[in-house]
Amino acid sequence: MSIDLRSWLEKVDAQGELAHVDGADWNLEIGTINTLHSRSERCSALLFDGIKGYPKGHRVLTCSVNNLNRLAIAMNMPQGGSGMDFVKAMRGKLSVWEKTMHQFPPQEVASGPVLQNVRSGKDVNLFELPVPKWHEADGGRYLGTGDAIITRDPESGEINLGAYRVMVHDEKTTGLYMSPGKHGRIHCEKYHALGKPCPVAMSFGHHPLLHRAAATELPAGAEFGFIGAVLGEPVKVIREEITGLPIPADSEIVVVGWVPPDKTLSEGPFGEWTGYYASKERQAPIVEVERIYFRNDPIILGAPPDRAPFDASLASVVKDSAVLWDALDRSGVPDVRGVWESEVGLQQFVVVSIKQRYPGHAKQVGMLACQNRPPAYHGRYVIVVDEDIDPSNITEVMWALTTRSDPEKDIDIVRRAWSTPLDTMIRKPTNAFFNSRAVIDACKPYEWIDEFPQAISTSPEWEKKVRAKWGKTLDLKSRRKIW
């Protein structure tokens, strides 16, 4: 398996999962097409070409991993199965990748496709690339949505890949918005404390796995090794001559420069993954660009956040669900049967199914879940259900919530929990980003579980008989999407 985006696109195209769009405008048309298509029943990857004002071949890719099939191709995992099947498979893979990632440090090479074109000094012009304006109320054009931002810790030398938003201010300057506590921001703060600019390399076009690793909470300096473990081979990198940072040799576009201390520009607003413009316009660090590297006919990887579903939301659901499930197992809590972070709210809406073993089991699981990553950061609701409920099926979850919980007895509130500037329920301006969590026990009451009314159900044997006789009729049923 290669970390090259074009090889991945060939596999996707061979399975009928790639659609070509010609002639769209970078100004809102690409973004609007992406949003509408993301919500369609059949969502293909979209490759935009012939973009207004740009030469043929300067392209933008969106909807890259919006379904399980393309996500499986990107993550080097088996195709087929349900969302919960993917989460279970991901759990097994995550532990293997984490144990073996130290065996796959990046492999430094002398050259690669990313060096096919180089723009330095006065020739630097970020608008040579078809940078989209994604949403109507965005404060500008955003090159960095599906990116991987590479920084180095000035003390330890560890290399980090992070997924941070990047707005283009002018031909030679970008914004770089990084939330407090993120590794890239900590690296910048360390450089600035020394009175030095922070070197940064920003990859804006690459295999989707690079962006997914950059967006994943991993130990410091682990991202390249993690990608190598997924691939089964080291990531090829080039030592960039200005910053000294390792850049992926197969990237489509890499922009390098410096984040100066005490220099900011107004950044945003930008439509975020909550579905709102919650963080509004603010002063943010800038990158003074010194060089742009890009392949012939470069491809920007776009993953603009939006109201779910959107680029990367499904990937976040699967990864976060597997991470939380593993965390619950490590805590010693028994008989967790499923974990699902709903695409509707991501870490703000998490469902855990269990086989109840003792009084307080459901409460224990809910409390642990709401304070473990990922929902520990900007979580909102955790619902615990019995093992007969599929946590990925929102209809079943709502049925359990309405028939197995009593609001007075079964809802607990956790106050002053970890939140974010993106939290829509925090009135700005403020520096106190706390929120609360609701932990809802939607399990049958343990103390009289054997007396609980019997649920209506269809036995597997009877379902098999009816499907064998009436399968064609059943396939004619209408589909309804429940939000």
Protein backbone atom coordinates (compact mmCIF):
# COMPACT_ATOMS: atom_id res chain seq x y z
CA MET A 1 0.00 0.00 0.00
CA SER A 2 1.26 3.49 -0.87
CA ILE A 3 0.67 6.82 0.88
CA ASP A 4 0.27 8.37 -2.57
CA LEU A 5 -3.14 10.03 -3.11
CA ARG A 6 -3.27 9.12 -6.79
CA SER A 7 -2.87 5.40 -6.12
CA TRP A 8 -5.75 5.62 -3.65
CA LEU A 9 -7.88 7.45 -6.22
CA GLU A 10 -7.23 4.70 -8.76
CA LYS A 11 -8.57 2.09 -6.32
CA VAL A 12 -11.61 4.22 -5.53
CA ASP A 13 -12.29 4.88 -9.20
CA ALA A 14 -12.00 1.17 -10.04
CA GLN A 15 -14.83 0.48 -7.59
CA GLY A 16 -17.09 3.17 -9.10
CA GLU A 17 -16.65 5.44 -6.08
CA LEU A 18 -15.22 8.54 -7.82
CA ALA A 19 -17.19 11.26 -9.63
CA HIS A 20 -15.61 14.03 -11.72
CA VAL A 21 -16.98 17.58 -11.63
CA ASP A 22 -15.78 20.03 -14.28
CA GLY A 23 -16.10 23.81 -14.35
CA ALA A 24 -17.14 24.64 -10.77
CA ASP A 25 -16.17 27.99 -9.23
CA TRP A 26 -13.80 28.05 -6.23
CA ASN A 27 -16.05 30.76 -4.78
CA LEU A 28 -18.78 28.78 -2.94
CA GLU A 29 -19.76 26.43 -5.79
CA ILE A 30 -17.27 23.71 -4.82
CA GLY A 31 -18.27 24.06 -1.18
CA THR A 32 -22.00 23.97 -1.88
CA ILE A 33 -21.74 20.98 -4.21
CA ASN A 34 -19.70 19.21 -1.55
CA THR A 35 -22.28 19.94 1.19
CA LEU A 36 -25.29 18.83 -0.86
CA HIS A 37 -23.56 15.71 -2.16
CA SER A 38 -22.37 14.74 1.35
CA ARG A 39 -26.01 14.41 2.37
CA SER A 40 -27.06 12.34 -0.63
CA GLU A 41 -27.91 8.64 -0.37
CA ARG A 42 -25.12 7.67 -2.78
CA CYS A 43 -22.10 9.77 -1.86
CA SER A 44 -19.08 9.37 -4.13
CA ALA A 45 -15.70 11.03 -3.78
CA LEU A 46 -15.73 14.24 -5.84
CA LEU A 47 -12.76 15.38 -7.93
CA PHE A 48 -13.15 18.97 -9.16
CA ASP A 49 -11.23 20.06 -12.26
CA GLY A 50 -11.44 22.92 -14.75
CA ILE A 51 -12.03 25.20 -11.77
CA LYS A 52 -13.01 28.73 -12.77
CA GLY A 53 -9.94 30.94 -13.22
CA TYR A 54 -7.46 28.05 -12.99
CA PRO A 55 -5.74 25.81 -15.54
CA LYS A 56 -6.97 22.30 -16.15
CA GLY A 57 -5.26 19.94 -13.75
CA HIS A 58 -5.31 22.19 -10.69
CA ARG A 59 -7.81 20.11 -8.75
CA VAL A 60 -9.73 19.79 -5.48
CA LEU A 61 -10.87 16.48 -3.94
CA THR A 62 -13.76 16.30 -1.44
CA CYS A 63 -15.93 13.58 0.12
CA SER A 64 -12.86 11.36 0.21
CA VAL A 65 -13.85 9.08 3.11
CA ASN A 66 -17.58 9.73 3.43
CA ASN A 67 -18.53 6.06 3.34
CA LEU A 68 -17.24 2.89 4.96
CA ASN A 69 -15.94 1.44 1.71
CA ARG A 70 -13.60 4.36 0.90
CA LEU A 71 -12.60 4.66 4.54
CA ALA A 72 -11.62 0.98 4.53
CA ILE A 73 -9.48 1.53 1.43
CA ALA A 74 -7.80 4.50 3.09
CA MET A 75 -7.18 2.66 6.38
CA ASN A 76 -5.95 -0.57 4.75
CA MET A 77 -8.84 -2.52 6.27
CA PRO A 78 -11.33 -5.11 4.98
CA GLN A 79 -14.31 -3.78 3.05
CA GLY A 80 -17.92 -4.72 3.74
CA GLY A 81 -19.91 -4.97 6.95
CA SER A 82 -21.76 -2.48 9.13
CA GLY A 83 -20.54 0.52 11.05
CA MET A 84 -20.32 -1.52 14.26
CA ASP A 85 -18.40 -4.24 12.39
CA PHE A 86 -15.92 -1.55 11.33
CA VAL A 87 -15.57 -0.30 14.92
CA LYS A 88 -14.89 -3.83 16.19
CA ALA A 89 -12.28 -4.38 13.47
CA MET A 90 -10.74 -0.98 14.17
CA ARG A 91 -10.34 -1.86 17.86
CA GLY A 92 -8.19 -4.85 16.99
CA LYS A 93 -6.19 -2.88 14.47
CA LEU A 94 -5.62 0.11 16.76
CA SER A 95 -3.90 -2.00 19.40
CA VAL A 96 -1.67 -3.63 16.76
CA TRP A 97 -0.79 -0.28 15.15
CA GLU A 98 0.00 1.31 18.50
CA LYS A 99 2.24 -1.60 19.53
CA THR A 100 4.14 -1.69 16.24
CA MET A 101 4.33 1.99 15.21
CA HIS A 102 7.81 2.37 16.74
CA GLN A 103 8.98 -0.17 14.11
CA PHE A 104 8.07 2.20 11.26
CA PRO A 105 9.96 5.49 11.66
CA PRO A 106 9.77 7.67 8.53
CA GLN A 107 12.29 6.83 5.82
CA GLU A 108 14.26 9.84 4.61
CA VAL A 109 14.73 9.99 0.82
CA ALA A 110 16.48 12.47 -1.43
CA SER A 111 13.60 13.26 -3.77
CA GLY A 112 9.95 12.64 -4.52
CA PRO A 113 6.98 13.81 -6.61
CA VAL A 114 6.30 16.81 -4.31
CA LEU A 115 9.51 18.45 -5.62
CA GLN A 116 8.28 18.58 -9.24
CA ASN A 117 7.47 22.29 -8.87
CA VAL A 118 9.03 24.78 -6.44
CA ARG A 119 8.08 28.41 -5.82
CA SER A 120 10.38 30.49 -3.62
CA GLY A 121 10.68 34.12 -2.51
CA LYS A 122 9.03 36.57 -4.88
CA ASP A 123 7.51 33.68 -6.88
CA VAL A 124 5.42 32.48 -3.94
CA ASN A 125 1.70 32.95 -4.64
CA LEU A 126 -0.75 30.84 -2.68
CA PHE A 127 -3.53 31.88 -5.04
CA GLU A 128 -1.77 29.93 -7.79
CA LEU A 129 -3.75 27.10 -6.19
CA PRO A 130 -7.58 26.95 -6.50
CA VAL A 131 -8.22 27.63 -2.80
CA PRO A 132 -11.98 27.32 -2.13
CA LYS A 133 -14.22 29.58 -0.16
CA TRP A 134 -16.28 26.78 1.38
CA HIS A 135 -19.22 28.40 3.22
CA GLU A 136 -21.05 31.62 2.50
CA ALA A 137 -20.27 33.27 5.86
CA ASP A 138 -16.60 32.20 5.96
CA GLY A 139 -14.15 35.04 6.51
CA GLY A 140 -11.99 34.01 3.55
CA ARG A 141 -10.60 31.18 1.46
CA TYR A 142 -9.39 28.11 3.38
CA LEU A 143 -6.55 26.03 1.96
CA GLY A 144 -6.23 23.97 5.13
CA THR A 145 -9.24 21.76 5.88
CA GLY A 146 -7.98 18.25 5.03
CA ASP A 147 -4.41 19.14 5.92
CA ALA A 148 -1.49 17.82 7.96
CA ILE A 149 0.50 20.54 9.74
CA ILE A 150 4.05 19.47 10.62
CA THR A 151 5.89 21.03 13.58
CA ARG A 152 8.83 20.14 15.79
CA ASP A 153 9.24 20.41 19.57
CA PRO A 154 12.31 22.65 20.09
CA GLU A 155 13.18 20.79 23.31
CA SER A 156 12.69 17.12 22.45
CA GLY A 157 12.91 17.30 18.66
CA GLU A 158 9.71 15.27 18.34
CA ILE A 159 7.77 15.78 15.11
CA ASN A 160 4.01 16.30 15.27
CA LEU A 161 1.32 16.15 12.61
CA GLY A 162 -1.83 18.08 13.47
CA ALA A 163 -5.03 18.97 11.62
CA TYR A 164 -5.55 22.73 12.01
CA ARG A 165 -7.50 25.18 9.89
CA VAL A 166 -5.53 27.43 7.54
CA MET A 167 -6.98 30.58 5.95
CA VAL A 168 -5.14 32.36 3.13
CA HIS A 169 -4.64 36.05 3.98
CA ASP A 170 -2.67 37.03 0.87
CA GLU A 171 -0.25 35.56 -1.67
CA LYS A 172 2.45 34.92 0.95
CA THR A 173 0.61 34.72 4.30
CA THR A 174 -1.76 32.25 5.90
CA GLY A 175 -3.51 32.04 9.23
CA LEU A 176 -2.96 29.03 11.48
CA TYR A 177 -5.71 28.44 14.05
CA MET A 178 -4.76 25.84 16.68
CA SER A 179 -6.89 25.18 19.76
CA PRO A 180 -5.29 25.50 23.21
CA GLY A 181 -3.51 22.32 24.30
CA LYS A 182 -2.88 20.97 20.81
CA HIS A 183 0.67 19.76 20.19
CA GLY A 184 1.30 22.15 17.30
CA ARG A 185 0.27 25.12 19.43
CA ILE A 186 2.50 23.97 22.30
CA HIS A 187 5.44 23.74 19.88
CA CYS A 188 4.79 27.30 18.68
CA GLU A 189 4.52 28.59 22.22
CA LYS A 190 7.86 27.00 23.12
CA TYR A 191 9.62 28.65 20.15
CA HIS A 192 8.02 31.99 20.93
CA ALA A 193 9.08 31.76 24.58
CA LEU A 194 12.64 31.56 23.25
CA GLY A 195 12.00 34.63 21.10
CA LYS A 196 12.20 32.54 17.91
CA PRO A 197 9.77 31.96 15.02
CA CYS A 198 8.32 28.45 14.81
CA PRO A 199 9.15 26.49 11.62
CA VAL A 200 6.12 24.86 10.02
CA ALA A 201 5.44 22.67 6.99
CA MET A 202 1.83 22.35 5.82
CA SER A 203 0.72 19.50 3.57
CA PHE A 204 -2.51 20.38 1.77
CA GLY A 205 -2.87 17.46 -0.64
CA HIS A 206 -2.14 13.82 0.26
CA HIS A 207 -3.56 10.36 0.86
CA PRO A 208 -6.57 10.63 3.25
CA LEU A 209 -4.71 8.53 5.83
CA LEU A 210 -2.25 11.39 6.39
CA HIS A 211 -5.08 13.73 7.38
CA ARG A 212 -6.77 11.08 9.54
CA ALA A 213 -3.51 10.47 11.45
CA ALA A 214 -3.02 14.21 11.89
CA ALA A 215 -6.54 14.46 13.34
CA THR A 216 -6.06 11.49 15.71
CA GLU A 217 -4.99 11.83 19.35
CA LEU A 218 -1.69 9.95 19.44
CA PRO A 219 1.37 10.06 21.70
CA ALA A 220 3.70 12.96 20.93
CA GLY A 221 5.76 12.33 17.82
CA ALA A 222 3.89 9.14 16.86
CA GLU A 223 1.99 10.14 13.70
CA PHE A 224 4.49 9.11 11.02
CA GLY A 225 5.10 5.80 12.81
CA PHE A 226 1.35 5.24 13.15
CA ILE A 227 0.85 5.78 9.41
CA GLY A 228 3.73 3.39 8.73
CA ALA A 229 2.11 0.73 10.93
CA VAL A 230 -1.19 1.10 9.04
CA LEU A 231 0.61 0.85 5.71
CA GLY A 232 3.00 -1.87 6.78
CA GLU A 233 5.91 0.21 5.47
CA PRO A 234 7.65 3.47 6.44
CA VAL A 235 6.43 6.82 5.13
CA LYS A 236 8.94 8.35 2.73
CA VAL A 237 9.91 11.89 3.76
CA ILE A 238 12.25 14.57 2.44
CA ARG A 239 14.26 16.81 4.77
CA GLU A 240 12.96 20.24 3.74
CA GLU A 241 15.95 22.56 3.33
CA ILE A 242 14.53 25.80 4.81
CA THR A 243 12.86 24.50 7.97
CA GLY A 244 14.62 21.16 8.34
CA LEU A 245 11.23 19.50 8.81
CA PRO A 246 10.38 16.13 7.23
CA ILE A 247 7.79 16.50 4.48
CA PRO A 248 5.96 13.57 2.82
CA ALA A 249 7.68 12.82 -0.49
CA ASP A 250 4.37 11.85 -2.12
CA SER A 251 2.34 14.87 -0.98
CA GLU A 252 0.56 16.88 -3.64
CA ILE A 253 1.24 20.30 -2.07
CA VAL A 254 3.49 21.37 0.81
CA VAL A 255 3.83 24.98 1.99
CA VAL A 256 6.67 25.90 4.37
CA GLY A 257 7.43 28.99 6.41
CA TRP A 258 7.61 30.48 9.87
CA VAL A 259 5.14 31.41 12.60
CA PRO A 260 6.61 34.64 14.03
CA PRO A 261 6.15 35.57 17.69
CA ASP A 262 3.83 38.48 18.51
CA LYS A 263 2.33 38.67 15.01
CA THR A 264 -1.33 37.90 14.41
CA LEU A 265 -4.04 38.72 11.91
CA SER A 266 -7.81 38.54 12.10
CA GLU A 267 -8.85 34.96 11.22
CA GLY A 268 -12.31 33.57 10.53
CA PRO A 269 -15.11 33.15 10.96
CA PHE A 270 -15.22 29.60 9.66
CA GLY A 271 -18.05 27.05 9.67
CA GLU A 272 -16.92 24.29 12.02
CA TRP A 273 -17.79 20.63 12.75
CA THR A 274 -20.51 21.59 15.23
CA GLY A 275 -22.47 23.00 12.29
CA TYR A 276 -22.08 26.57 13.55
CA TYR A 277 -19.80 29.61 13.44
CA ALA A 278 -19.22 29.32 17.17
CA SER A 279 -15.65 30.65 17.41
CA LYS A 280 -16.28 33.77 15.30
CA GLU A 281 -13.55 36.13 14.03
CA ARG A 282 -10.41 36.39 16.17
CA GLN A 283 -6.73 37.22 16.14
CA ALA A 284 -4.68 34.13 15.26
CA PRO A 285 -1.03 33.33 14.49
CA ILE A 286 0.16 33.67 10.92
CA VAL A 287 2.56 31.75 8.72
CA GLU A 288 4.97 33.81 6.63
CA VAL A 289 5.39 31.52 3.62
CA GLU A 290 8.85 31.09 2.11
CA ARG A 291 8.34 28.22 -0.30
CA ILE A 292 5.63 26.15 -2.00
CA TYR A 293 6.26 22.63 -3.32
CA PHE A 294 3.72 20.91 -5.54
CA ARG A 295 3.30 18.05 -7.98
CA ASN A 296 2.34 18.48 -11.60
CA ASP A 297 -1.46 18.87 -11.72
CA PRO A 298 -1.75 19.20 -7.91
CA ILE A 299 -4.77 18.10 -5.90
CA ILE A 300 -5.97 19.93 -2.77
CA LEU A 301 -7.55 17.55 -0.26
CA GLY A 302 -10.66 19.35 0.98
CA ALA A 303 -12.37 18.20 4.17
CA PRO A 304 -14.50 21.21 5.13
CA PRO A 305 -16.44 20.75 8.36
CA ASP A 306 -20.18 21.30 8.27
CA ARG A 307 -23.35 20.05 9.85
CA ALA A 308 -22.95 16.24 9.78
CA PRO A 309 -22.52 14.29 7.64
CA PHE A 310 -19.43 15.92 6.13
CA ASP A 311 -15.91 15.07 5.03
CA ALA A 312 -14.19 13.15 7.82
CA SER A 313 -17.22 12.87 10.14
CA LEU A 314 -17.67 9.14 9.48
CA ALA A 315 -13.94 8.54 9.93
CA SER A 316 -14.10 10.36 13.27
CA VAL A 317 -17.10 8.28 14.35
CA VAL A 318 -15.39 4.96 13.68
CA LYS A 319 -12.01 5.92 15.13
CA ASP A 320 -13.41 7.68 18.22
CA SER A 321 -15.82 4.82 18.96
CA ALA A 322 -12.97 2.30 18.84
CA VAL A 323 -10.72 4.50 21.00
CA LEU A 324 -13.41 4.98 23.65
CA TRP A 325 -14.31 1.28 23.69
CA ASP A 326 -10.65 0.38 24.26
CA ALA A 327 -10.43 2.98 27.05
CA LEU A 328 -13.49 1.50 28.78
CA ASP A 329 -11.99 -1.99 28.56
CA ARG A 330 -8.69 -0.76 30.01
CA SER A 331 -10.58 0.79 32.93
CA GLY A 332 -11.72 -2.68 33.97
CA VAL A 333 -15.44 -2.16 33.40
CA PRO A 334 -16.96 -5.47 32.22
CA ASP A 335 -19.25 -6.45 29.38
CA VAL A 336 -19.25 -3.42 27.10
CA ARG A 337 -21.00 -4.74 23.99
CA GLY A 338 -20.78 -1.70 21.69
CA VAL A 339 -19.75 1.95 21.49
CA TRP A 340 -20.97 4.45 18.92
CA GLU A 341 -20.23 8.15 18.60
CA SER A 342 -23.18 9.39 16.57
CA GLU A 343 -22.40 11.26 13.36
CA VAL A 344 -25.18 13.68 14.33
CA GLY A 345 -23.16 15.17 17.19
CA LEU A 346 -19.81 13.37 17.10
CA GLN A 347 -18.28 13.33 20.59
CA GLN A 348 -21.23 15.38 21.84
CA PHE A 349 -23.53 12.33 21.49
CA VAL A 350 -22.12 8.95 22.52
CA VAL A 351 -23.99 5.67 23.06
CA VAL A 352 -22.60 2.65 24.94
CA SER A 353 -24.35 -0.72 25.13
CA ILE A 354 -23.64 -3.12 28.01
CA LYS A 355 -24.71 -6.44 29.49
CA GLN A 356 -25.70 -5.34 33.00
CA ARG A 357 -23.84 -7.31 35.67
CA TYR A 358 -24.43 -5.45 38.95
CA PRO A 359 -26.25 -2.44 40.47
CA GLY A 360 -24.65 0.80 39.29
CA HIS A 361 -22.98 -0.82 36.27
CA ALA A 362 -24.72 1.52 33.80
CA LYS A 363 -23.88 4.63 35.88
CA GLN A 364 -20.23 3.55 36.13
CA VAL A 365 -19.96 3.13 32.36
CA GLY A 366 -21.64 6.47 31.65
CA MET A 367 -19.38 8.40 34.01
CA LEU A 368 -16.24 6.76 32.67
CA ALA A 369 -17.32 7.36 29.07
CA CYS A 370 -18.02 11.06 29.53
CA GLN A 371 -14.53 11.70 30.96
CA ASN A 372 -12.46 9.53 28.62
CA ARG A 373 -11.16 10.78 25.31
CA PRO A 374 -12.62 11.60 22.81
CA PRO A 375 -15.89 12.74 24.54
CA ALA A 376 -13.94 14.18 27.49
CA TYR A 377 -13.25 17.12 25.14
CA HIS A 378 -16.48 18.98 24.31
CA GLY A 379 -18.76 16.07 25.14
CA ARG A 380 -22.44 16.68 25.83
CA TYR A 381 -24.56 13.51 26.15
CA VAL A 382 -23.67 9.91 27.00
CA ILE A 383 -26.48 7.34 26.80
CA VAL A 384 -26.03 3.83 28.19
CA VAL A 385 -28.29 1.12 26.76
CA ASP A 386 -28.77 -2.64 27.16
CA GLU A 387 -27.03 -5.19 24.94
CA ASP A 388 -30.17 -5.75 22.82
CA ILE A 389 -29.86 -2.18 21.48
CA ASP A 390 -27.59 -1.40 18.52
CA PRO A 391 -25.83 1.82 19.59
CA SER A 392 -25.31 2.82 15.94
CA ASN A 393 -29.07 2.69 15.25
CA ILE A 394 -30.49 6.04 16.37
CA THR A 395 -34.07 4.73 16.18
CA GLU A 396 -33.31 1.89 18.59
CA VAL A 397 -31.41 4.25 20.90
CA MET A 398 -34.31 6.72 21.05
CA TRP A 399 -36.72 3.85 21.69
CA ALA A 400 -34.61 2.72 24.65
CA LEU A 401 -34.31 6.30 25.90
CA THR A 402 -38.06 6.87 25.86
CA THR A 403 -39.13 3.47 27.24
CA ARG A 404 -36.36 2.53 29.69
CA SER A 405 -35.40 5.79 31.39
CA ASP A 406 -37.12 8.03 33.92
CA PRO A 407 -35.80 11.61 33.69
CA GLU A 408 -36.01 12.14 37.45
CA LYS A 409 -33.96 9.04 38.30
CA ASP A 410 -31.80 8.34 35.28
CA ILE A 411 -30.16 11.62 34.24
CA ASP A 412 -27.01 12.79 36.01
CA ILE A 413 -25.25 16.09 35.32
CA VAL A 414 -21.47 16.57 35.40
CA ARG A 415 -20.54 20.23 35.74
CA ARG A 416 -17.41 22.27 34.89
CA ALA A 417 -16.16 19.77 32.31
CA TRP A 418 -13.59 20.39 29.54
CA SER A 419 -14.96 22.37 26.61
CA THR A 420 -13.69 24.49 23.70
CA PRO A 421 -14.07 27.89 22.02
CA LEU A 422 -16.20 26.07 19.42
CA ASP A 423 -18.86 25.29 22.03
CA THR A 424 -22.09 26.91 20.83
CA MET A 425 -23.52 27.04 24.36
CA ILE A 426 -20.74 29.19 25.80
CA ARG A 427 -21.44 32.89 25.46
CA LYS A 428 -18.43 34.79 24.13
CA PRO A 429 -16.15 36.49 24.92
CA THR A 430 -14.81 34.40 27.79
CA ASN A 431 -11.67 32.56 28.79
CA ALA A 432 -13.56 29.98 30.87
CA PHE A 433 -14.41 27.16 28.50
CA PHE A 434 -16.37 24.80 30.77
CA ASN A 435 -19.50 22.86 29.90
CA SER A 436 -21.71 20.21 31.48
CA ARG A 437 -22.46 16.59 30.58
CA ALA A 438 -25.66 14.61 30.79
CA VAL A 439 -25.17 10.92 31.56
CA ILE A 440 -28.40 9.04 30.84
CA ASP A 441 -29.09 5.52 32.02
CA ALA A 442 -31.44 4.12 29.36
CA CYS A 443 -31.05 0.53 30.55
CA LYS A 444 -33.78 -1.56 32.09
CA PRO A 445 -33.79 -0.97 35.88
CA TYR A 446 -31.31 -3.50 37.24
CA GLU A 447 -33.22 -4.21 40.47
CA TRP A 448 -36.29 -5.47 38.56
CA ILE A 449 -34.79 -6.30 35.18
CA ASP A 450 -36.45 -9.74 35.09
CA GLU A 451 -39.88 -8.14 35.56
CA PHE A 452 -39.41 -5.56 32.79
CA PRO A 453 -42.07 -5.87 30.03
CA GLN A 454 -41.09 -8.15 27.18
CA ALA A 455 -40.06 -6.37 24.00
CA ILE A 456 -41.79 -7.18 20.72
CA SER A 457 -39.32 -8.96 18.50
CA THR A 458 -39.00 -11.22 15.47
CA SER A 459 -36.99 -14.41 15.93
CA PRO A 460 -34.07 -14.99 13.53
CA GLU A 461 -35.70 -18.25 12.39
CA TRP A 462 -38.99 -16.61 11.45
CA GLU A 463 -37.25 -13.67 9.78
CA LYS A 464 -35.22 -16.11 7.68
CA LYS A 465 -38.36 -17.94 6.54
CA VAL A 466 -40.18 -14.74 5.58
CA ARG A 467 -37.18 -13.29 3.75
CA ALA A 468 -36.80 -16.49 1.76
CA LYS A 469 -40.43 -16.27 0.62
CA TRP A 470 -40.99 -12.49 0.44
CA GLY A 471 -37.50 -11.08 -0.14
CA LYS A 472 -38.38 -9.20 -3.34
CA THR A 473 -41.36 -7.55 -1.69
CA LEU A 474 -39.29 -6.52 1.33
CA ASP A 475 -36.71 -4.90 -0.97
CA LEU A 476 -39.41 -2.57 -2.31
CA LYS A 477 -39.88 -0.86 1.03
CA SER A 478 -39.20 2.87 1.05
CA ARG A 479 -36.10 4.21 2.72
CA ARG A 480 -36.37 6.91 5.33
CA LYS A 481 -33.39 8.68 6.80
CA ILE A 482 -33.96 9.65 10.42
CA TRP A 483 -31.97 12.59 11.72
